[in-house]
């Protein structure tokens, strides 16, 4: 039985991810962000679950990143 996947549009994605559309596109091309799904020739969407996993991975990675002025 097919699983229902929630898709989000560009406007919703950009409200969740505080990056420019171009930055997200560049990360997609490098494989560093979930790939968009072409719905029509003009409309694209992203799987919400994949975006949520990406956010969780960034949270985990940020714990390991030394911030400027921070201590190890």
N, C-alpha and C. Protein backbone atom coordinates (compact mmCIF):
# COMPACT_ATOMS: atom_id res chain seq x y z
N UNK A 1 0.85 -1.20 0.00
CA UNK A 1 0.00 0.00 0.00
C UNK A 1 0.89 1.24 0.00
N UNK A 2 0.61 2.21 -0.88
CA UNK A 2 1.46 3.40 -0.96
C UNK A 2 1.41 4.24 0.32
N UNK A 3 2.56 4.82 0.63
CA UNK A 3 2.65 5.71 1.78
C UNK A 3 2.34 7.13 1.31
N UNK A 4 1.56 7.84 2.10
CA UNK A 4 1.24 9.22 1.75
C UNK A 4 2.42 10.10 2.16
N UNK A 5 2.93 10.85 1.20
CA UNK A 5 4.05 11.74 1.43
C UNK A 5 3.55 13.17 1.37
N UNK A 6 3.88 13.94 2.39
CA UNK A 6 3.47 15.35 2.38
C UNK A 6 4.49 16.15 1.58
N UNK A 7 3.99 16.91 0.61
CA UNK A 7 4.85 17.75 -0.21
C UNK A 7 4.64 19.21 0.19
N UNK A 8 5.72 19.97 0.14
CA UNK A 8 5.63 21.40 0.43
C UNK A 8 6.13 22.19 -0.79
N UNK A 9 5.55 23.36 -0.99
CA UNK A 9 5.95 24.19 -2.12
C UNK A 9 7.13 25.09 -1.74
N UNK A 10 7.62 25.85 -2.70
CA UNK A 10 8.79 26.70 -2.50
C UNK A 10 8.56 27.73 -1.38
N UNK A 11 7.37 28.34 -1.35
CA UNK A 11 7.07 29.35 -0.34
C UNK A 11 7.15 28.75 1.06
N UNK A 12 6.59 27.57 1.24
CA UNK A 12 6.64 26.90 2.55
C UNK A 12 8.08 26.51 2.90
N UNK A 13 8.81 25.99 1.91
CA UNK A 13 10.21 25.61 2.15
C UNK A 13 11.02 26.81 2.62
N UNK A 14 10.86 27.94 1.91
CA UNK A 14 11.64 29.12 2.26
C UNK A 14 11.22 29.70 3.61
N UNK A 15 10.00 29.41 4.06
CA UNK A 15 9.58 29.86 5.39
C UNK A 15 10.21 28.99 6.48
N UNK A 16 10.58 27.77 6.13
CA UNK A 16 11.20 26.84 7.09
C UNK A 16 12.72 26.95 7.12
N UNK A 17 13.30 27.22 5.96
CA UNK A 17 14.75 27.24 5.81
C UNK A 17 15.17 28.68 5.49
N UNK A 18 15.83 29.36 6.42
CA UNK A 18 16.19 30.77 6.21
C UNK A 18 17.41 30.96 5.30
N UNK A 19 17.30 30.40 4.10
CA UNK A 19 18.34 30.54 3.10
C UNK A 19 17.70 31.05 1.82
N UNK A 20 18.50 31.58 0.93
CA UNK A 20 17.95 32.05 -0.34
C UNK A 20 17.59 30.86 -1.23
N UNK A 21 16.71 31.12 -2.17
CA UNK A 21 16.33 30.12 -3.14
C UNK A 21 17.56 29.60 -3.87
N UNK A 22 18.48 30.50 -4.22
CA UNK A 22 19.70 30.12 -4.93
C UNK A 22 20.60 29.22 -4.08
N UNK A 23 20.73 29.55 -2.79
CA UNK A 23 21.56 28.73 -1.89
C UNK A 23 21.01 27.30 -1.80
N UNK A 24 19.69 27.20 -1.70
CA UNK A 24 19.07 25.88 -1.64
C UNK A 24 19.30 25.12 -2.95
N UNK A 25 19.12 25.81 -4.06
CA UNK A 25 19.35 25.20 -5.38
C UNK A 25 20.79 24.68 -5.49
N UNK A 26 21.75 25.51 -5.08
CA UNK A 26 23.16 25.11 -5.15
C UNK A 26 23.43 23.90 -4.25
N UNK A 27 22.83 23.87 -3.06
CA UNK A 27 23.01 22.72 -2.17
C UNK A 27 22.40 21.47 -2.77
N UNK A 28 21.25 21.61 -3.42
CA UNK A 28 20.63 20.46 -4.10
C UNK A 28 21.56 19.89 -5.16
N UNK A 29 22.15 20.77 -5.97
CA UNK A 29 23.03 20.33 -7.04
C UNK A 29 24.25 19.58 -6.50
N UNK A 30 24.72 19.99 -5.30
CA UNK A 30 25.87 19.31 -4.68
C UNK A 30 25.45 18.05 -3.92
N UNK A 31 24.15 17.84 -3.77
CA UNK A 31 23.67 16.69 -3.02
C UNK A 31 23.61 16.95 -1.52
N UNK A 32 23.67 18.22 -1.12
CA UNK A 32 23.67 18.59 0.29
C UNK A 32 22.28 18.97 0.82
N UNK A 33 21.26 18.85 -0.03
CA UNK A 33 19.89 19.20 0.37
C UNK A 33 18.95 18.29 -0.41
N UNK A 34 17.80 17.94 0.17
CA UNK A 34 16.86 17.07 -0.55
C UNK A 34 16.48 17.64 -1.91
N UNK A 35 16.42 16.77 -2.89
CA UNK A 35 16.11 17.18 -4.26
C UNK A 35 14.64 17.54 -4.41
N UNK A 36 14.39 18.52 -5.24
CA UNK A 36 13.02 18.92 -5.54
C UNK A 36 12.36 17.88 -6.45
N UNK A 37 11.04 17.88 -6.44
CA UNK A 37 10.24 17.00 -7.28
C UNK A 37 9.49 17.90 -8.25
N UNK A 38 9.60 17.63 -9.54
CA UNK A 38 8.88 18.42 -10.54
C UNK A 38 7.44 17.92 -10.61
N UNK A 39 6.51 18.79 -10.26
CA UNK A 39 5.09 18.44 -10.32
C UNK A 39 4.52 18.75 -11.70
N UNK A 40 4.92 19.87 -12.24
CA UNK A 40 4.56 20.27 -13.60
C UNK A 40 5.79 20.93 -14.19
N UNK A 41 5.66 21.48 -15.38
CA UNK A 41 6.81 22.15 -15.98
C UNK A 41 7.20 23.42 -15.21
N UNK A 42 6.28 23.95 -14.40
CA UNK A 42 6.57 25.19 -13.66
C UNK A 42 6.56 25.04 -12.15
N UNK A 43 5.97 23.98 -11.64
CA UNK A 43 5.83 23.83 -10.20
C UNK A 43 6.69 22.70 -9.66
N UNK A 44 7.36 22.99 -8.55
CA UNK A 44 8.17 21.98 -7.88
C UNK A 44 7.75 21.90 -6.41
N UNK A 45 8.14 20.80 -5.78
CA UNK A 45 7.83 20.61 -4.37
C UNK A 45 8.95 19.78 -3.74
N UNK A 46 8.97 19.74 -2.42
CA UNK A 46 9.92 18.94 -1.68
C UNK A 46 9.16 18.06 -0.72
N UNK A 47 9.71 16.88 -0.41
CA UNK A 47 9.09 16.00 0.57
C UNK A 47 9.37 16.56 1.96
N UNK A 48 8.31 16.80 2.71
CA UNK A 48 8.45 17.38 4.05
C UNK A 48 9.34 16.51 4.94
N UNK A 49 9.16 15.19 4.86
CA UNK A 49 9.97 14.29 5.69
C UNK A 49 11.46 14.42 5.41
N UNK A 50 11.82 14.56 4.14
CA UNK A 50 13.24 14.71 3.78
C UNK A 50 13.79 16.03 4.28
N UNK A 51 12.98 17.08 4.20
CA UNK A 51 13.41 18.39 4.68
C UNK A 51 13.58 18.36 6.20
N UNK A 52 12.64 17.70 6.89
CA UNK A 52 12.75 17.58 8.35
C UNK A 52 14.00 16.81 8.76
N UNK A 53 14.32 15.75 8.02
CA UNK A 53 15.55 15.00 8.30
C UNK A 53 16.78 15.86 8.08
N UNK A 54 16.76 16.68 7.03
CA UNK A 54 17.88 17.59 6.76
C UNK A 54 18.05 18.57 7.91
N UNK A 55 16.94 19.12 8.40
CA UNK A 55 17.00 20.06 9.53
C UNK A 55 17.60 19.36 10.75
N UNK A 56 17.16 18.14 11.03
CA UNK A 56 17.70 17.39 12.17
C UNK A 56 19.20 17.14 12.00
N UNK A 57 19.63 16.84 10.78
CA UNK A 57 21.06 16.60 10.55
C UNK A 57 21.86 17.87 10.77
N UNK A 58 21.29 19.02 10.39
CA UNK A 58 21.99 20.30 10.61
C UNK A 58 22.06 20.60 12.10
N UNK A 59 21.01 20.29 12.84
CA UNK A 59 21.05 20.50 14.30
C UNK A 59 22.15 19.66 14.92
N UNK A 60 22.24 18.41 14.51
CA UNK A 60 23.26 17.52 15.05
C UNK A 60 24.65 18.02 14.68
N UNK A 61 24.83 18.47 13.44
CA UNK A 61 26.13 18.95 13.00
C UNK A 61 26.51 20.25 13.71
N UNK A 62 25.53 21.09 14.03
CA UNK A 62 25.84 22.37 14.65
C UNK A 62 26.38 22.20 16.06
N UNK A 63 26.05 21.10 16.70
CA UNK A 63 26.58 20.83 18.03
C UNK A 63 28.10 20.64 17.95
N UNK A 64 28.56 20.07 16.82
CA UNK A 64 29.98 19.78 16.65
C UNK A 64 30.77 20.96 16.11
N UNK A 65 30.10 21.98 15.62
CA UNK A 65 30.78 23.12 15.03
C UNK A 65 31.20 24.10 16.12
N UNK A 66 32.43 24.51 16.08
CA UNK A 66 32.93 25.51 17.03
C UNK A 66 32.52 26.88 16.52
N UNK A 67 31.74 27.57 17.30
CA UNK A 67 31.30 28.90 16.90
C UNK A 67 32.39 29.91 17.19
N UNK A 68 32.46 30.99 16.41
CA UNK A 68 33.46 32.03 16.66
C UNK A 68 33.34 32.55 18.10
N UNK A 69 34.46 32.61 18.78
CA UNK A 69 34.47 33.07 20.16
C UNK A 69 34.06 32.03 21.15
N UNK A 70 33.70 30.85 20.66
CA UNK A 70 33.27 29.77 21.56
C UNK A 70 34.44 28.99 22.09
N UNK A 71 34.14 28.11 22.98
CA UNK A 71 35.20 27.25 23.54
C UNK A 71 34.98 25.83 23.06
N UNK A 72 36.07 25.08 22.90
CA UNK A 72 35.94 23.68 22.44
C UNK A 72 35.23 22.82 23.47
